[in-house]
Protein backbone atom coordinates (compact mmCIF):
# COMPACT_ATOMS: atom_id res chain seq x y z
CA MET A 1 0.12 -0.01 -0.16
CA THR A 2 1.44 3.49 -1.13
CA SER A 3 1.53 6.26 1.72
CA ARG A 4 -1.34 8.02 -0.35
CA GLU A 5 -3.55 5.01 -0.33
CA GLN A 6 -3.03 4.61 3.58
CA LEU A 7 -3.47 8.38 4.53
CA ILE A 8 -6.64 8.38 2.24
CA GLN A 9 -7.51 5.03 4.73
CA GLU A 10 -6.70 6.84 7.94
CA LEU A 11 -8.91 10.01 6.66
CA ALA A 12 -11.87 7.89 6.02
CA GLU A 13 -11.57 6.34 9.51
CA VAL A 14 -11.40 9.68 11.34
CA PRO A 15 -14.18 12.26 12.31
CA ASP A 16 -14.81 15.19 9.88
CA GLU A 17 -13.11 17.44 12.65
CA LEU A 18 -10.09 15.90 12.16
CA VAL A 19 -10.37 15.76 8.45
CA GLU A 20 -10.94 19.29 8.85
CA VAL A 21 -7.77 19.85 10.87
CA MET A 22 -5.50 17.53 8.10
CA LEU A 23 -6.89 19.55 5.26
CA ASP A 24 -6.24 22.81 6.87
CA PHE A 25 -2.82 21.65 8.26
CA LEU A 26 -2.23 20.68 4.02
CA HIS A 27 -3.07 23.33 2.60
CA ARG A 28 -0.51 25.65 4.74
CA VAL A 29 2.28 22.69 3.82
CA LYS A 30 1.28 23.41 0.53
CA LYS A 31 1.67 26.89 0.75
CA THR A 32 5.06 26.81 2.45
CA HIS A 33 6.29 24.15 0.11
CA SER A 34 5.69 25.67 -3.12
CA HIS A 35 8.01 28.31 -2.03
CA HIS A 36 11.06 25.92 -1.02
CA PRO A 37 13.84 25.94 -3.38
CA LEU A 38 14.25 22.14 -2.84
CA ALA A 39 10.34 21.51 -3.64
CA LYS A 40 11.25 20.88 -6.95
CA PHE A 41 12.89 17.48 -5.81
CA ALA A 42 9.65 16.67 -3.50
CA GLY A 43 7.67 13.30 -4.49
CA ILE A 44 10.95 12.19 -7.23
CA LEU A 45 11.53 9.27 -5.56
CA SER A 46 9.01 6.07 -5.47
CA ASP A 47 8.32 4.27 -1.83
CA ASP A 48 10.90 1.44 -2.62
CA GLU A 49 13.58 3.99 -3.91
CA ALA A 50 13.00 6.29 -0.70
CA ALA A 51 13.00 3.04 1.47
CA ASP A 52 16.35 2.07 0.09
CA LEU A 53 18.04 5.42 0.36
CA GLN A 54 16.74 5.28 4.39
CA GLN A 55 18.25 2.02 4.56
CA ALA A 56 21.49 3.06 2.96
CA ILE A 57 21.62 6.45 5.42
CA GLN A 58 20.79 4.84 8.48
CA ALA A 59 23.58 1.83 7.81
CA ASP A 60 26.44 3.73 6.74
CA CYS A 61 26.04 7.07 7.78
CA ARG A 62 26.81 8.48 10.99
CA GLN A 63 29.64 6.06 11.19
CA VAL A 64 32.86 6.72 12.96
CA ASP A 65 36.19 4.88 12.05
CA LEU A 66 38.67 6.13 14.61
CA ASN A 67 41.39 4.27 12.91
CA GLU A 68 40.53 6.28 9.81
CA TRP A 69 42.29 9.59 11.22
């Protein structure tokens, strides 16, 4: 299931008041997001590519080799 499908499923199950809050939040994020210099890169990765990238970052980043210095 994609993130979009999961979000739609979750929204179908919550009260209307929460849907309104989420919609307001989405509008605010979209407004801010569209003016950000990196906004053009949003959504260019598939869910699988993003998961692979996150796994690589967790496995390889922030690893300090004390003998490297």
